[in-house]
Amino acid sequence: MDIELNNLLQDTEYFSDTQKCEDLLLKVRWNNEVKCVFCKHHKVYHLQGKNKRYKCAQCLKQFSIIKGTIFKIVPSLCKNGLS
């Protein structure tokens, strides 16, 4: 996924899609390989449900793709928000 964000209008339109936000975060944060945000272990389980959540196989803690990011603090950065 290669994107080029040039202006606020384009950025706002691009990030109005929650899936695009999640895809970009996954690539930028973990290079498309989810790692535990607590212990950095790379074996995690994808939990079922409407919110994209993960559970670490080592420390057993649950986390979302936005844990520890600005999206957690300001979910309106993506119009639909991320959980």
C-alpha atoms as a PDB file:
ATOM      1  CA  MET A   1       0.000   0.000   0.000  1.00  0.00           C
ATOM      2  CA  ASP A   2       1.652   3.196  -1.171  1.00  0.00           C
ATOM      3  CA  ILE A   3      -0.116   6.417  -0.356  1.00  0.00           C
ATOM      4  CA  GLU A   4       0.884  10.015  -0.679  1.00  0.00           C
ATOM      5  CA  LEU A   5      -0.897  12.497   1.502  1.00  0.00           C
ATOM      6  CA  ASN A   6      -0.494  16.025   0.185  1.00  0.00           C
ATOM      7  CA  ASN A   7      -3.163  18.195   1.673  1.00  0.00           C
ATOM      8  CA  LEU A   8      -5.710  18.262   4.452  1.00  0.00           C
ATOM      9  CA  LEU A   9      -8.669  17.589   2.147  1.00  0.00           C
ATOM     10  CA  GLN A  10      -7.048  14.498   0.639  1.00  0.00           C
ATOM     11  CA  ASP A  11      -5.923  13.319   4.069  1.00  0.00           C
ATOM     12  CA  THR A  12      -9.415  13.744   5.507  1.00  0.00           C
ATOM     13  CA  GLU A  13     -11.001  11.866   2.608  1.00  0.00           C
ATOM     14  CA  TYR A  14      -8.451   9.058   2.812  1.00  0.00           C
ATOM     15  CA  PHE A  15      -8.843   8.586   6.570  1.00  0.00           C
ATOM     16  CA  SER A  16     -12.634   8.713   6.471  1.00  0.00           C
ATOM     17  CA  ASP A  17     -12.491   4.964   5.800  1.00  0.00           C
ATOM     18  CA  THR A  18     -11.808   3.034   9.021  1.00  0.00           C
ATOM     19  CA  GLN A  19     -10.325   0.058   7.155  1.00  0.00           C
ATOM     20  CA  LYS A  20      -7.790   2.324   5.431  1.00  0.00           C
ATOM     21  CA  CYS A  21      -6.806   3.736   8.831  1.00  0.00           C
ATOM     22  CA  GLU A  22      -6.348   0.246  10.242  1.00  0.00           C
ATOM     23  CA  ASP A  23      -4.365  -0.930   7.207  1.00  0.00           C
ATOM     24  CA  LEU A  24      -2.033   2.062   7.383  1.00  0.00           C
ATOM     25  CA  LEU A  25      -1.491   1.664  11.135  1.00  0.00           C
ATOM     26  CA  LEU A  26      -0.780  -2.049  10.682  1.00  0.00           C
ATOM     27  CA  LYS A  27       1.839  -1.302   8.024  1.00  0.00           C
ATOM     28  CA  VAL A  28       3.484   1.666   9.728  1.00  0.00           C
ATOM     29  CA  ARG A  29       3.422   0.316  13.267  1.00  0.00           C
ATOM     30  CA  TRP A  30       4.211  -3.353  12.763  1.00  0.00           C
ATOM     31  CA  ASN A  31       5.226  -3.764   9.109  1.00  0.00           C
ATOM     32  CA  ASN A  32       2.050  -5.841   8.639  1.00  0.00           C
ATOM     33  CA  GLU A  33       3.047  -8.269  11.430  1.00  0.00           C
ATOM     34  CA  VAL A  34       1.185  -7.554  14.672  1.00  0.00           C
ATOM     35  CA  LYS A  35       3.290  -7.633  17.845  1.00  0.00           C
ATOM     36  CA  CYS A  36       2.153  -7.323  21.438  1.00  0.00           C
ATOM     37  CA  VAL A  37       2.195  -3.686  22.542  1.00  0.00           C
ATOM     38  CA  PHE A  38       3.082  -4.778  26.088  1.00  0.00           C
ATOM     39  CA  CYS A  39       5.840  -7.399  25.735  1.00  0.00           C
ATOM     40  CA  LYS A  40       6.658  -7.152  21.977  1.00  0.00           C
ATOM     41  CA  HIS A  41       6.019 -10.882  21.495  1.00  0.00           C
ATOM     42  CA  HIS A  42       5.132 -11.652  17.863  1.00  0.00           C
ATOM     43  CA  LYS A  43       2.660 -14.466  18.404  1.00  0.00           C
ATOM     44  CA  VAL A  44      -0.750 -12.894  18.881  1.00  0.00           C
ATOM     45  CA  TYR A  45      -4.285 -14.078  18.346  1.00  0.00           C
ATOM     46  CA  HIS A  46      -6.915 -12.095  16.479  1.00  0.00           C
ATOM     47  CA  LEU A  47     -10.043 -11.951  18.622  1.00  0.00           C
ATOM     48  CA  GLN A  48     -13.489 -12.183  17.068  1.00  0.00           C
ATOM     49  CA  GLY A  49     -15.894  -9.282  17.378  1.00  0.00           C
ATOM     50  CA  LYS A  50     -16.768  -5.965  15.816  1.00  0.00           C
ATOM     51  CA  ASN A  51     -13.647  -4.277  17.187  1.00  0.00           C
ATOM     52  CA  LYS A  52     -10.269  -5.358  15.880  1.00  0.00           C
ATOM     53  CA  ARG A  53      -8.552  -6.701  18.997  1.00  0.00           C
ATOM     54  CA  TYR A  54      -5.641  -9.008  19.637  1.00  0.00           C
ATOM     55  CA  LYS A  55      -4.435 -11.195  22.507  1.00  0.00           C
ATOM     56  CA  CYS A  56      -0.783 -11.939  23.157  1.00  0.00           C
ATOM     57  CA  ALA A  57       0.180 -15.618  23.389  1.00  0.00           C
ATOM     58  CA  GLN A  58       2.907 -14.824  25.914  1.00  0.00           C
ATOM     59  CA  CYS A  59       1.626 -12.218  28.392  1.00  0.00           C
ATOM     60  CA  LEU A  60      -2.077 -12.907  27.598  1.00  0.00           C
ATOM     61  CA  LYS A  61      -2.961  -9.205  27.548  1.00  0.00           C
ATOM     62  CA  GLN A  62      -5.481  -7.862  25.065  1.00  0.00           C
ATOM     63  CA  PHE A  63      -4.905  -4.789  22.931  1.00  0.00           C
ATOM     64  CA  SER A  64      -6.248  -2.972  19.923  1.00  0.00           C
ATOM     65  CA  ILE A  65      -4.435  -1.678  16.872  1.00  0.00           C
ATOM     66  CA  ILE A  66      -4.618   1.854  18.292  1.00  0.00           C
ATOM     67  CA  LYS A  67      -3.324   1.079  21.804  1.00  0.00           C
ATOM     68  CA  GLY A  68      -0.609   3.609  22.610  1.00  0.00           C
ATOM     69  CA  THR A  69      -1.238   5.781  19.548  1.00  0.00           C
ATOM     70  CA  ILE A  70      -2.712   9.218  18.993  1.00  0.00           C
ATOM     71  CA  PHE A  71      -5.818   7.499  17.581  1.00  0.00           C
ATOM     72  CA  LYS A  72      -6.564   6.235  21.093  1.00  0.00           C
ATOM     73  CA  ILE A  73      -6.361   9.776  22.446  1.00  0.00           C
ATOM     74  CA  VAL A  74      -8.144  11.477  19.548  1.00  0.00           C
ATOM     75  CA  PRO A  75     -10.334   8.862  17.796  1.00  0.00           C
ATOM     76  CA  SER A  76     -11.917  11.559  15.639  1.00  0.00           C
ATOM     77  CA  LEU A  77      -8.727  11.602  13.543  1.00  0.00           C
ATOM     78  CA  CYS A  78     -10.515   8.887  11.632  1.00  0.00           C
ATOM     79  CA  LYS A  79     -14.106   9.978  11.060  1.00  0.00           C
ATOM     80  CA  ASN A  80     -15.508   6.609  12.097  1.00  0.00           C
ATOM     81  CA  GLY A  81     -12.962   6.161  14.875  1.00  0.00           C
ATOM     82  CA  LEU A  82     -10.948   3.059  15.608  1.00  0.00           C
ATOM     83  CA  SER A  83     -11.468   0.807  18.587  1.00  0.00           C
END
